[in-house]
């Protein structure tokens, strides 16, 4: 549930307190919602969406690496 609150779906990220804005950087939903809003409301081009794709990719790679380190210790 906290990931939804930090995503900007209900409260825009710019309206959150600064501490929650920083914490929202670890929410993958943030990048999805911002990218979707950019397409629907601003008509952004693909090149403008690369920062959102990059955010999801970096977060995904980090979480994959972290999970692999944890599971690798079990075997």
PDB file of N, CA and C in Angstrom:
ATOM      1  N   UNK A   1       0.805  -1.202   0.000  1.00  0.00           N
ATOM      2  CA  UNK A   1       0.000   0.000   0.000  1.00  0.00           C
ATOM      3  C   UNK A   1       0.854   1.275   0.000  1.00  0.00           C
ATOM      4  N   UNK A   2       1.968   1.338   0.724  1.00  0.00           N
ATOM      5  CA  UNK A   2       2.757   2.576   0.695  1.00  0.00           C
ATOM      6  C   UNK A   2       3.284   2.909  -0.691  1.00  0.00           C
ATOM      7  N   UNK A   3       3.510   1.890  -1.513  1.00  0.00           N
ATOM      8  CA  UNK A   3       4.037   2.157  -2.849  1.00  0.00           C
ATOM      9  C   UNK A   3       3.019   2.938  -3.680  1.00  0.00           C
ATOM     10  N   UNK A   4       1.737   2.722  -3.444  1.00  0.00           N
ATOM     11  CA  UNK A   4       0.704   3.464  -4.166  1.00  0.00           C
ATOM     12  C   UNK A   4       0.675   4.924  -3.692  1.00  0.00           C
ATOM     13  N   UNK A   5       0.840   5.136  -2.400  1.00  0.00           N
ATOM     14  CA  UNK A   5       0.848   6.506  -1.882  1.00  0.00           C
ATOM     15  C   UNK A   5       2.035   7.293  -2.414  1.00  0.00           C
ATOM     16  N   UNK A   6       3.170   6.618  -2.595  1.00  0.00           N
ATOM     17  CA  UNK A   6       4.376   7.291  -3.056  1.00  0.00           C
ATOM     18  C   UNK A   6       4.440   7.424  -4.574  1.00  0.00           C
ATOM     19  N   UNK A   7       3.511   6.823  -5.290  1.00  0.00           N
ATOM     20  CA  UNK A   7       3.589   6.809  -6.745  1.00  0.00           C
ATOM     21  C   UNK A   7       3.128   8.114  -7.386  1.00  0.00           C
ATOM     22  N   UNK A   8       2.369   8.901  -6.683  1.00  0.00           N
ATOM     23  CA  UNK A   8       1.827  10.120  -7.257  1.00  0.00           C
ATOM     24  C   UNK A   8       0.470   9.907  -7.892  1.00  0.00           C
ATOM     25  N   UNK A   9      -0.154   8.767  -7.669  1.00  0.00           N
ATOM     26  CA  UNK A   9      -1.463   8.488  -8.257  1.00  0.00           C
ATOM     27  C   UNK A   9      -2.549   9.337  -7.602  1.00  0.00           C
ATOM     28  N   UNK A  10      -2.488   9.502  -6.293  1.00  0.00           N
ATOM     29  CA  UNK A  10      -3.516  10.260  -5.576  1.00  0.00           C
ATOM     30  C   UNK A  10      -3.054  11.664  -5.239  1.00  0.00           C
ATOM     31  N   UNK A  11      -1.817  11.811  -4.875  1.00  0.00           N
ATOM     32  CA  UNK A  11      -1.249  13.117  -4.565  1.00  0.00           C
ATOM     33  C   UNK A  11      -0.100  13.370  -5.526  1.00  0.00           C
ATOM     34  N   UNK A  12      -0.141  14.473  -6.266  1.00  0.00           N
ATOM     35  CA  UNK A  12       0.969  14.737  -7.178  1.00  0.00           C
ATOM     36  C   UNK A  12       2.297  14.824  -6.430  1.00  0.00           C
ATOM     37  N   UNK A  13       3.336  14.375  -7.058  1.00  0.00           N
ATOM     38  CA  UNK A  13       4.637  14.318  -6.388  1.00  0.00           C
ATOM     39  C   UNK A  13       5.119  15.709  -6.006  1.00  0.00           C
ATOM     40  N   UNK A  14       4.845  16.711  -6.843  1.00  0.00           N
ATOM     41  CA  UNK A  14       5.284  18.068  -6.514  1.00  0.00           C
ATOM     42  C   UNK A  14       4.554  18.638  -5.303  1.00  0.00           C
ATOM     43  N   UNK A  15       3.420  18.054  -4.904  1.00  0.00           N
ATOM     44  CA  UNK A  15       2.666  18.536  -3.746  1.00  0.00           C
ATOM     45  C   UNK A  15       3.044  17.806  -2.463  1.00  0.00           C
ATOM     46  N   UNK A  16       3.885  16.784  -2.569  1.00  0.00           N
ATOM     47  CA  UNK A  16       4.312  16.025  -1.387  1.00  0.00           C
ATOM     48  C   UNK A  16       5.408  16.787  -0.641  1.00  0.00           C
ATOM     49  N   UNK A  17       5.564  16.511   0.649  1.00  0.00           N
ATOM     50  CA  UNK A  17       6.695  17.085   1.375  1.00  0.00           C
ATOM     51  C   UNK A  17       8.017  16.587   0.761  1.00  0.00           C
ATOM     52  N   UNK A  18       9.081  17.358   0.906  1.00  0.00           N
ATOM     53  CA  UNK A  18      10.361  16.988   0.280  1.00  0.00           C
ATOM     54  C   UNK A  18      10.865  15.589   0.665  1.00  0.00           C
ATOM     55  N   UNK A  19      10.647  15.179   1.903  1.00  0.00           N
ATOM     56  CA  UNK A  19      11.111  13.851   2.316  1.00  0.00           C
ATOM     57  C   UNK A  19      10.372  12.747   1.560  1.00  0.00           C
ATOM     58  N   UNK A  20       9.075  12.922   1.346  1.00  0.00           N
ATOM     59  CA  UNK A  20       8.304  11.929   0.596  1.00  0.00           C
ATOM     60  C   UNK A  20       8.622  11.970  -0.891  1.00  0.00           C
ATOM     61  N   UNK A  21       9.001  13.131  -1.405  1.00  0.00           N
ATOM     62  CA  UNK A  21       9.415  13.210  -2.800  1.00  0.00           C
ATOM     63  C   UNK A  21      10.668  12.374  -3.033  1.00  0.00           C
ATOM     64  N   UNK A  22      11.596  12.437  -2.115  1.00  0.00           N
ATOM     65  CA  UNK A  22      12.814  11.619  -2.232  1.00  0.00           C
ATOM     66  C   UNK A  22      12.490  10.141  -2.076  1.00  0.00           C
ATOM     67  N   UNK A  23      11.611   9.828  -1.167  1.00  0.00           N
ATOM     68  CA  UNK A  23      11.231   8.435  -0.936  1.00  0.00           C
ATOM     69  C   UNK A  23      10.464   7.859  -2.125  1.00  0.00           C
ATOM     70  N   UNK A  24       9.780   8.714  -2.863  1.00  0.00           N
ATOM     71  CA  UNK A  24       9.015   8.231  -4.015  1.00  0.00           C
ATOM     72  C   UNK A  24       9.915   7.767  -5.156  1.00  0.00           C
ATOM     73  N   UNK A  25      11.193   8.093  -5.108  1.00  0.00           N
ATOM     74  CA  UNK A  25      12.118   7.656  -6.156  1.00  0.00           C
ATOM     75  C   UNK A  25      12.275   6.141  -6.190  1.00  0.00           C
ATOM     76  N   UNK A  26      11.947   5.450  -5.097  1.00  0.00           N
ATOM     77  CA  UNK A  26      12.078   3.993  -5.080  1.00  0.00           C
ATOM     78  C   UNK A  26      10.785   3.288  -5.475  1.00  0.00           C
ATOM     79  N   UNK A  27       9.787   4.042  -5.866  1.00  0.00           N
ATOM     80  CA  UNK A  27       8.506   3.456  -6.271  1.00  0.00           C
ATOM     81  C   UNK A  27       8.472   3.291  -7.787  1.00  0.00           C
ATOM     82  N   UNK A  28       8.413   2.056  -8.278  1.00  0.00           N
ATOM     83  CA  UNK A  28       8.353   1.874  -9.733  1.00  0.00           C
ATOM     84  C   UNK A  28       7.067   2.421 -10.339  1.00  0.00           C
ATOM     85  N   UNK A  29       5.999   2.497  -9.558  1.00  0.00           N
ATOM     86  CA  UNK A  29       4.747   3.056 -10.061  1.00  0.00           C
ATOM     87  C   UNK A  29       4.872   4.537 -10.389  1.00  0.00           C
ATOM     88  N   UNK A  30       5.787   5.220  -9.709  1.00  0.00           N
ATOM     89  CA  UNK A  30       5.988   6.648  -9.981  1.00  0.00           C
ATOM     90  C   UNK A  30       6.365   6.859 -11.435  1.00  0.00           C
ATOM     91  N   UNK A  31       7.303   6.068 -11.935  1.00  0.00           N
ATOM     92  CA  UNK A  31       7.774   6.240 -13.308  1.00  0.00           C
ATOM     93  C   UNK A  31       6.689   5.865 -14.311  1.00  0.00           C
ATOM     94  N   UNK A  32       5.921   4.840 -13.998  1.00  0.00           N
ATOM     95  CA  UNK A  32       4.824   4.441 -14.877  1.00  0.00           C
ATOM     96  C   UNK A  32       3.760   5.535 -14.957  1.00  0.00           C
ATOM     97  N   UNK A  33       3.365   6.055 -13.811  1.00  0.00           N
ATOM     98  CA  UNK A  33       2.308   7.073 -13.774  1.00  0.00           C
ATOM     99  C   UNK A  33       2.774   8.366 -14.426  1.00  0.00           C
ATOM    100  N   UNK A  34       4.002   8.790 -14.147  1.00  0.00           N
ATOM    101  CA  UNK A  34       4.504  10.013 -14.772  1.00  0.00           C
ATOM    102  C   UNK A  34       4.622   9.853 -16.281  1.00  0.00           C
ATOM    103  N   UNK A  35       5.073   8.690 -16.737  1.00  0.00           N
ATOM    104  CA  UNK A  35       5.175   8.442 -18.171  1.00  0.00           C
ATOM    105  C   UNK A  35       3.818   8.423 -18.838  1.00  0.00           C
ATOM    106  N   UNK A  36       2.846   7.777 -18.193  1.00  0.00           N
ATOM    107  CA  UNK A  36       1.494   7.720 -18.743  1.00  0.00           C
ATOM    108  C   UNK A  36       0.863   9.105 -18.794  1.00  0.00           C
ATOM    109  N   UNK A  37       1.036   9.893 -17.751  1.00  0.00           N
ATOM    110  CA  UNK A  37       0.501  11.252 -17.753  1.00  0.00           C
ATOM    111  C   UNK A  37       1.174  12.104 -18.824  1.00  0.00           C
ATOM    112  N   UNK A  38       2.454  11.880 -19.040  1.00  0.00           N
ATOM    113  CA  UNK A  38       3.153  12.639 -20.074  1.00  0.00           C
ATOM    114  C   UNK A  38       2.604  12.325 -21.459  1.00  0.00           C
ATOM    115  N   UNK A  39       2.260  11.064 -21.687  1.00  0.00           N
ATOM    116  CA  UNK A  39       1.704  10.688 -22.987  1.00  0.00           C
ATOM    117  C   UNK A  39       0.299  11.246 -23.158  1.00  0.00           C
ATOM    118  N   UNK A  40      -0.563  11.030 -22.171  1.00  0.00           N
ATOM    119  CA  UNK A  40      -1.971  11.420 -22.299  1.00  0.00           C
ATOM    120  C   UNK A  40      -2.191  12.927 -22.248  1.00  0.00           C
ATOM    121  N   UNK A  41      -1.542  13.612 -21.320  1.00  0.00           N
ATOM    122  CA  UNK A  41      -1.843  15.024 -21.105  1.00  0.00           C
ATOM    123  C   UNK A  41      -0.939  15.967 -21.883  1.00  0.00           C
ATOM    124  N   UNK A  42       0.307  15.551 -22.144  1.00  0.00           N
ATOM    125  CA  UNK A  42       1.250  16.440 -22.821  1.00  0.00           C
ATOM    126  C   UNK A  42       1.595  15.988 -24.228  1.00  0.00           C
ATOM    127  N   UNK A  43       1.226  14.768 -24.565  1.00  0.00           N
ATOM    128  CA  UNK A  43       1.557  14.252 -25.894  1.00  0.00           C
ATOM    129  C   UNK A  43       3.046  14.107 -26.101  1.00  0.00           C
ATOM    130  N   UNK A  44       3.740  13.642 -25.085  1.00  0.00           N
ATOM    131  CA  UNK A  44       5.196  13.524 -25.154  1.00  0.00           C
ATOM    132  C   UNK A  44       5.629  12.540 -26.223  1.00  0.00           C
ATOM    133  N   UNK A  45       6.799  12.809 -26.774  1.00  0.00           N
ATOM    134  CA  UNK A  45       7.390  11.904 -27.760  1.00  0.00           C
ATOM    135  C   UNK A  45       8.185  10.831 -27.036  1.00  0.00           C
ATOM    136  N   UNK A  46       8.565   9.800 -27.791  1.00  0.00           N
ATOM    137  CA  UNK A  46       9.284   8.669 -27.206  1.00  0.00           C
ATOM    138  C   UNK A  46      10.588   9.109 -26.553  1.00  0.00           C
ATOM    139  N   UNK A  47      11.291  10.020 -27.153  1.00  0.00           N
ATOM    140  CA  UNK A  47      12.580  10.457 -26.621  1.00  0.00           C
ATOM    141  C   UNK A  47      12.418  11.107 -25.249  1.00  0.00           C
ATOM    142  N   UNK A  48      11.280  11.747 -25.009  1.00  0.00           N
ATOM    143  CA  UNK A  48      11.024  12.383 -23.714  1.00  0.00           C
ATOM    144  C   UNK A  48      10.714  11.361 -22.625  1.00  0.00           C
ATOM    145  N   UNK A  49      10.310  10.168 -23.017  1.00  0.00           N
ATOM    146  CA  UNK A  49       9.934   9.126 -22.058  1.00  0.00           C
ATOM    147  C   UNK A  49      11.109   8.263 -21.635  1.00  0.00           C
ATOM    148  N   UNK A  50      12.270   8.463 -22.236  1.00  0.00           N
ATOM    149  CA  UNK A  50      13.425   7.625 -21.916  1.00  0.00           C
ATOM    150  C   UNK A  50      13.865   7.758 -20.454  1.00  0.00           C
ATOM    151  N   UNK A  51      13.661   8.921 -19.854  1.00  0.00           N
ATOM    152  CA  UNK A  51      14.040   9.071 -18.441  1.00  0.00           C
ATOM    153  C   UNK A  51      13.174   8.185 -17.546  1.00  0.00           C
ATOM    154  N   UNK A  52      11.897   8.021 -17.902  1.00  0.00           N
ATOM    155  CA  UNK A  52      11.017   7.154 -17.116  1.00  0.00           C
ATOM    156  C   UNK A  52      11.388   5.686 -17.316  1.00  0.00           C
ATOM    157  N   UNK A  53      11.683   5.319 -18.564  1.00  0.00           N
ATOM    158  CA  UNK A  53      12.128   3.952 -18.829  1.00  0.00           C
ATOM    159  C   UNK A  53      13.433   3.667 -18.102  1.00  0.00           C
ATOM    160  N   UNK A  54      14.320   4.665 -18.097  1.00  0.00           N
ATOM    161  CA  UNK A  54      15.596   4.509 -17.402  1.00  0.00           C
ATOM    162  C   UNK A  54      15.411   4.326 -15.904  1.00  0.00           C
ATOM    163  N   UNK A  55      14.488   5.072 -15.322  1.00  0.00           N
ATOM    164  CA  UNK A  55      14.212   4.933 -13.888  1.00  0.00           C
ATOM    165  C   UNK A  55      13.721   3.548 -13.533  1.00  0.00           C
ATOM    166  N   UNK A  56      12.794   3.029 -14.334  1.00  0.00           N
ATOM    167  CA  UNK A  56      12.277   1.681 -14.089  1.00  0.00           C
ATOM    168  C   UNK A  56      13.366   0.644 -14.300  1.00  0.00           C
ATOM    169  N   UNK A  57      14.189   0.835 -15.333  1.00  0.00           N
ATOM    170  CA  UNK A  57      15.259  -0.116 -15.623  1.00  0.00           C
ATOM    171  C   UNK A  57      16.296  -0.153 -14.506  1.00  0.00           C
ATOM    172  N   UNK A  58      16.727   0.996 -14.050  1.00  0.00           N
ATOM    173  CA  UNK A  58      17.724   1.055 -12.974  1.00  0.00           C
ATOM    174  C   UNK A  58      17.167   0.462 -11.692  1.00  0.00           C
ATOM    175  N   UNK A  59      15.941   0.822 -11.346  1.00  0.00           N
ATOM    176  CA  UNK A  59      15.321   0.271 -10.142  1.00  0.00           C
ATOM    177  C   UNK A  59      15.142  -1.236 -10.259  1.00  0.00           C
ATOM    178  N   UNK A  60      14.723  -1.705 -11.419  1.00  0.00           N
ATOM    179  CA  UNK A  60      14.545  -3.140 -11.631  1.00  0.00           C
ATOM    180  C   UNK A  60      15.849  -3.906 -11.555  1.00  0.00           C
ATOM    181  N   UNK A  61      16.902  -3.361 -12.153  1.00  0.00           N
ATOM    182  CA  UNK A  61      18.203  -4.030 -12.091  1.00  0.00           C
ATOM    183  C   UNK A  61      18.737  -4.089 -10.669  1.00  0.00           C
ATOM    184  N   UNK A  62      18.551  -3.004  -9.926  1.00  0.00           N
ATOM    185  CA  UNK A  62      19.002  -3.000  -8.534  1.00  0.00           C
ATOM    186  C   UNK A  62      18.243  -4.030  -7.701  1.00  0.00           C
ATOM    187  N   UNK A  63      16.928  -4.065  -7.853  1.00  0.00           N
ATOM    188  CA  UNK A  63      16.136  -5.026  -7.083  1.00  0.00           C
ATOM    189  C   UNK A  63      16.436  -6.466  -7.501  1.00  0.00           C
ATOM    190  N   UNK A  64      16.698  -6.694  -8.785  1.00  0.00           N
ATOM    191  CA  UNK A  64      17.077  -8.023  -9.249  1.00  0.00           C
ATOM    192  C   UNK A  64      18.399  -8.441  -8.617  1.00  0.00           C
ATOM    193  N   UNK A  65      19.379  -7.540  -8.642  1.00  0.00           N
ATOM    194  CA  UNK A  65      20.683  -7.835  -8.049  1.00  0.00           C
ATOM    195  C   UNK A  65      20.559  -8.097  -6.546  1.00  0.00           C
ATOM    196  N   UNK A  66      19.791  -7.289  -5.857  1.00  0.00           N
ATOM    197  CA  UNK A  66      19.606  -7.450  -4.414  1.00  0.00           C
ATOM    198  C   UNK A  66      18.940  -8.793  -4.105  1.00  0.00           C
ATOM    199  N   UNK A  67      17.899  -9.129  -4.847  1.00  0.00           N
ATOM    200  CA  UNK A  67      17.222 -10.407  -4.641  1.00  0.00           C
ATOM    201  C   UNK A  67      18.118 -11.586  -4.967  1.00  0.00           C
ATOM    202  N   UNK A  68      18.907 -11.465  -6.016  1.00  0.00           N
ATOM    203  CA  UNK A  68      19.827 -12.536  -6.386  1.00  0.00           C
ATOM    204  C   UNK A  68      20.877 -12.743  -5.301  1.00  0.00           C
ATOM    205  N   UNK A  69      21.342 -11.660  -4.700  1.00  0.00           N
ATOM    206  CA  UNK A  69      22.320 -11.783  -3.607  1.00  0.00           C
ATOM    207  C   UNK A  69      21.715 -12.495  -2.414  1.00  0.00           C
ATOM    208  N   UNK A  70      20.487 -12.183  -2.084  1.00  0.00           N
ATOM    209  CA  UNK A  70      19.821 -12.809  -0.949  1.00  0.00           C
ATOM    210  C   UNK A  70      19.533 -14.290  -1.202  1.00  0.00           C
ATOM    211  N   UNK A  71      19.016 -14.603  -2.382  1.00  0.00           N
ATOM    212  CA  UNK A  71      18.683 -15.997  -2.698  1.00  0.00           C
ATOM    213  C   UNK A  71      19.947 -16.814  -2.925  1.00  0.00           C
ATOM    214  N   UNK A  72      20.965 -16.211  -3.489  1.00  0.00           N
ATOM    215  CA  UNK A  72      22.216 -16.920  -3.734  1.00  0.00           C
ATOM    216  C   UNK A  72      22.871 -17.431  -2.460  1.00  0.00           C
ATOM    217  N   UNK A  73      22.641 -16.771  -1.349  1.00  0.00           N
ATOM    218  CA  UNK A  73      23.216 -17.200  -0.075  1.00  0.00           C
ATOM    219  C   UNK A  73      22.515 -18.443   0.486  1.00  0.00           C
ATOM    220  N   UNK A  74      21.322 -18.729  -0.027  1.00  0.00           N
ATOM    221  CA  UNK A  74      20.584 -19.892   0.457  1.00  0.00           C
ATOM    222  C   UNK A  74      21.108 -21.197  -0.122  1.00  0.00           C
ATOM    223  N   UNK A  75      21.778 -21.113  -1.266  1.00  0.00           N
ATOM    224  CA  UNK A  75      22.229 -22.330  -1.948  1.00  0.00           C
ATOM    225  C   UNK A  75      23.699 -22.566  -1.780  1.00  0.00           C
TER     226      UNK A  75
END
